C-alpha atoms as a PDB file:
ATOM      1  CA  MET A   1     103.644 106.088  96.727  1.00  0.00           C
ATOM      2  CA  ASP A   2     102.203 107.806  93.668  1.00  0.00           C
ATOM      3  CA  THR A   3     101.379 104.370  92.274  1.00  0.00           C
ATOM      4  CA  ILE A   4      99.236 103.587  95.299  1.00  0.00           C
ATOM      5  CA  THR A   5      97.435 106.913  94.967  1.00  0.00           C
ATOM      6  CA  ASN A   6      96.975 106.397  91.202  1.00  0.00           C
ATOM      7  CA  LEU A   7      95.413 102.987  91.864  1.00  0.00           C
ATOM      8  CA  ASN A   8      92.918 104.749  94.154  1.00  0.00           C
ATOM      9  CA  LEU A   9      93.910 102.521  97.057  1.00  0.00           C
ATOM     10  CA  ALA A  10      94.406 105.407  99.452  1.00  0.00           C
ATOM     11  CA  THR A  11      94.433 109.172  99.562  1.00  0.00           C
ATOM     12  CA  ALA A  12      97.576 111.183 100.140  1.00  0.00           C
ATOM     13  CA  ALA A  13      96.502 111.865 103.731  1.00  0.00           C
ATOM     14  CA  GLU A  14      95.975 108.160 104.383  1.00  0.00           C
ATOM     15  CA  LEU A  15      99.364 107.349 102.869  1.00  0.00           C
ATOM     16  CA  ALA A  16     101.031 109.900 105.116  1.00  0.00           C
ATOM     17  CA  VAL A  17      99.426 108.342 108.201  1.00  0.00           C
ATOM     18  CA  ILE A  18     100.284 104.801 107.044  1.00  0.00           C
ATOM     19  CA  ALA A  19     103.913 105.673 106.265  1.00  0.00           C
ATOM     20  CA  ALA A  20     104.372 107.433 109.592  1.00  0.00           C
ATOM     21  CA  VAL A  21     102.850 104.581 111.600  1.00  0.00           C
ATOM     22  CA  SER A  22     104.725 101.880 109.652  1.00  0.00           C
ATOM     23  CA  GLY A  23     108.080 103.605 109.710  1.00  0.00           C
ATOM     24  CA  LEU A  24     108.000 104.554 113.378  1.00  0.00           C
ATOM     25  CA  ALA A  25     106.669 101.204 114.570  1.00  0.00           C
ATOM     26  CA  THR A  26     109.231  99.258 112.531  1.00  0.00           C
ATOM     27  CA  GLN A  27     112.075 101.395 113.881  1.00  0.00           C
ATOM     28  CA  ALA A  28     110.758 100.841 117.401  1.00  0.00           C
ATOM     29  CA  LEU A  29     110.687  97.079 116.783  1.00  0.00           C
ATOM     30  CA  LYS A  30     114.294  97.199 115.561  1.00  0.00           C
ATOM     31  CA  LYS A  31     115.517  99.037 118.627  1.00  0.00           C
ATOM     32  CA  MET A  32     113.359  97.429 121.329  1.00  0.00           C
ATOM     33  CA  THR A  33     113.422  93.770 120.275  1.00  0.00           C
ATOM     34  CA  LYS A  34     115.961  91.261 119.079  1.00  0.00           C
ATOM     35  CA  LEU A  35     113.949  90.100 116.084  1.00  0.00           C
ATOM     36  CA  PRO A  36     115.972  88.551 113.256  1.00  0.00           C
ATOM     37  CA  SER A  37     116.436  90.927 110.336  1.00  0.00           C
ATOM     38  CA  TRP A  38     114.426  88.693 107.980  1.00  0.00           C
ATOM     39  CA  VAL A  39     111.325  89.165 110.178  1.00  0.00           C
ATOM     40  CA  LEU A  40     111.330  92.964 110.039  1.00  0.00           C
ATOM     41  CA  PRO A  41     110.001  93.389 106.465  1.00  0.00           C
ATOM     42  CA  TRP A  42     107.111  91.037 107.229  1.00  0.00           C
ATOM     43  CA  ALA A  43     106.434  92.802 110.518  1.00  0.00           C
ATOM     44  CA  SER A  44     106.480  96.101 108.649  1.00  0.00           C
ATOM     45  CA  ILE A  45     103.883  94.804 106.194  1.00  0.00           C
ATOM     46  CA  ILE A  46     101.614  93.710 109.050  1.00  0.00           C
ATOM     47  CA  ILE A  47     102.149  97.048 110.777  1.00  0.00           C
ATOM     48  CA  GLY A  48     101.347  98.737 107.449  1.00  0.00           C
ATOM     49  CA  VAL A  49      98.027  96.892 107.248  1.00  0.00           C
ATOM     50  CA  LEU A  50      97.227  98.035 110.775  1.00  0.00           C
ATOM     51  CA  GLY A  51      98.356 101.537 109.843  1.00  0.00           C
ATOM     52  CA  GLY A  52      96.030 101.448 106.839  1.00  0.00           C
ATOM     53  CA  LEU A  53      93.132 100.554 109.077  1.00  0.00           C
ATOM     54  CA  VAL A  54      94.100 103.357 111.472  1.00  0.00           C
ATOM     55  CA  ALA A  55      94.281 105.753 108.510  1.00  0.00           C
ATOM     56  CA  VAL A  56      90.724 104.811 107.495  1.00  0.00           C
ATOM     57  CA  LEU A  57      89.512 105.582 111.001  1.00  0.00           C
ATOM     58  CA  VAL A  58      91.441 108.858 111.212  1.00  0.00           C
ATOM     59  CA  THR A  59      90.260 110.123 107.817  1.00  0.00           C
ATOM     60  CA  HIS A  60      86.680 108.840 108.331  1.00  0.00           C
ATOM     61  CA  ASP A  61      86.829 106.766 105.154  1.00  0.00           C
ATOM     62  CA  SER A  62      84.959 103.501 104.658  1.00  0.00           C
ATOM     63  CA  ASN A  63      87.218 101.605 102.251  1.00  0.00           C
ATOM     64  CA  TYR A  64      88.941  99.221 104.656  1.00  0.00           C
ATOM     65  CA  ALA A  65      90.158  96.634 102.130  1.00  0.00           C
ATOM     66  CA  SER A  66      91.875  99.206  99.894  1.00  0.00           C
ATOM     67  CA  ALA A  67      93.453 100.908 102.883  1.00  0.00           C
ATOM     68  CA  ALA A  68      94.721  97.560 104.207  1.00  0.00           C
ATOM     69  CA  LEU A  69      96.271  96.747 100.815  1.00  0.00           C
ATOM     70  CA  ALA A  70      97.776 100.231 100.591  1.00  0.00           C
ATOM     71  CA  GLY A  71      99.097  99.709 104.123  1.00  0.00           C
ATOM     72  CA  ALA A  72     100.712  96.413 103.169  1.00  0.00           C
ATOM     73  CA  LEU A  73     102.388  98.014 100.142  1.00  0.00           C
ATOM     74  CA  THR A  74     103.470 101.067 102.124  1.00  0.00           C
ATOM     75  CA  GLY A  75     104.744  98.920 104.996  1.00  0.00           C
ATOM     76  CA  GLY A  76     106.762  96.895 102.542  1.00  0.00           C
ATOM     77  CA  ALA A  77     108.124 100.051 100.977  1.00  0.00           C
ATOM     78  CA  THR A  78     109.143 101.564 104.300  1.00  0.00           C
ATOM     79  CA  SER A  79     111.068  98.418 105.202  1.00  0.00           C
ATOM     80  CA  GLY A  80     112.930  98.313 101.919  1.00  0.00           C
ATOM     81  CA  LEU A  81     111.212  95.148 100.737  1.00  0.00           C
ATOM     82  CA  PHE A  82     110.717  96.635  97.295  1.00  0.00           C
ATOM     83  CA  ASP A  83     114.441  97.351  96.978  1.00  0.00           C
ATOM     84  CA  GLY A  84     114.968  93.628  96.650  1.00  0.00           C
ATOM     85  CA  VAL A  85     112.285  93.330  93.992  1.00  0.00           C
ATOM     86  CA  SER A  86     113.627  96.289  92.044  1.00  0.00           C
ATOM     87  CA  GLY A  87     117.150  94.837  92.338  1.00  0.00           C
ATOM     88  CA  ALA A  88     115.936  91.599  90.778  1.00  0.00           C
ATOM     89  CA  ALA A  89     114.160  93.528  88.031  1.00  0.00           C
ATOM     90  CA  SER A  90     117.349  95.475  87.328  1.00  0.00           C
ATOM     91  CA  ALA A  91     119.314  92.235  87.051  1.00  0.00           C
ATOM     92  CA  VAL A  92     116.807  90.847  84.549  1.00  0.00           C
ATOM     93  CA  GLN A  93     116.969  94.061  82.530  1.00  0.00           C
ATOM     94  CA  ALA A  94     120.789  94.027  82.562  1.00  0.00           C
ATOM     95  CA  THR A  95     120.807  90.415  81.338  1.00  0.00           C
ATOM     96  CA  SER A  96     118.372  91.302  78.567  1.00  0.00           C
ATOM     97  CA  THR A  97     120.496  94.276  77.532  1.00  0.00           C
ATOM     98  CA  ALA A  98     123.648  92.128  77.532  1.00  0.00           C
ATOM     99  CA  LYS A  99     121.963  89.518  75.330  1.00  0.00           C
ATOM    100  CA  ARG A 100     120.802  92.215  72.922  1.00  0.00           C
ATOM    101  CA  THR A 101     124.369  93.563  72.730  1.00  0.00           C
ATOM    102  CA  VAL A 102     125.759  90.104  71.906  1.00  0.00           C
ATOM    103  CA  VAL A 103     123.133  89.625  69.193  1.00  0.00           C
ATOM    104  CA  ASP A 104     123.998  93.028  67.692  1.00  0.00           C
ATOM    105  CA  GLU A 105     127.729  92.232  67.784  1.00  0.00           C
ATOM    106  CA  ASN A 106     127.104  88.868  66.124  1.00  0.00           C
ATOM    107  CA  ALA A 107     125.099  90.537  63.372  1.00  0.00           C
ATOM    108  CA  ALA A 108     127.902  93.053  62.779  1.00  0.00           C
ATOM    109  CA  LEU A 109     130.507  90.269  62.606  1.00  0.00           C
ATOM    110  CA  LYS A 110     128.329  88.319  60.205  1.00  0.00           C
ATOM    111  CA  LYS A 111     128.097  91.364  57.912  1.00  0.00           C
ATOM    112  CA  ARG A 112     131.857  91.784  57.959  1.00  0.00           C
ATOM    113  CA  LEU A 113     132.390  88.104  57.196  1.00  0.00           C
ATOM    114  CA  MET A 114     129.955  88.287  54.307  1.00  0.00           C
ATOM    115  CA  GLY A 115     131.947  91.219  52.938  1.00  0.00           C
ATOM    116  CA  LEU A 116     135.169  89.166  53.010  1.00  0.00           C
ATOM    117  CA  ARG A 117     133.739  86.290  50.976  1.00  0.00           C
ATOM    118  CA  PRO A 118     134.685  86.238  47.275  1.00  0.00           C
END
């Protein structure tokens, strides 16, 4: 959420309103409807956009587009959508680290082989 505030998309008060609206509405959707689980993150993003617009009205701001974007990001965050993205990023980083380790091991073996040559 600090990232959204640092990008000047929304104030802390607006983020609090957006997160509360998104989280509560998404939980209500889960319990009251039989929506498939793959729909809930998208519904949460839409609810977040609506929450962003509500936050603009509540805080008497005039930056609707930024609040809607902040709402979409916050809605996605409250539904765990970003966990999937961060999981993919972690997998890419782990692969990169593994490749670097293999390269380092190969370099060490090459040095040892060069030392064995007459």
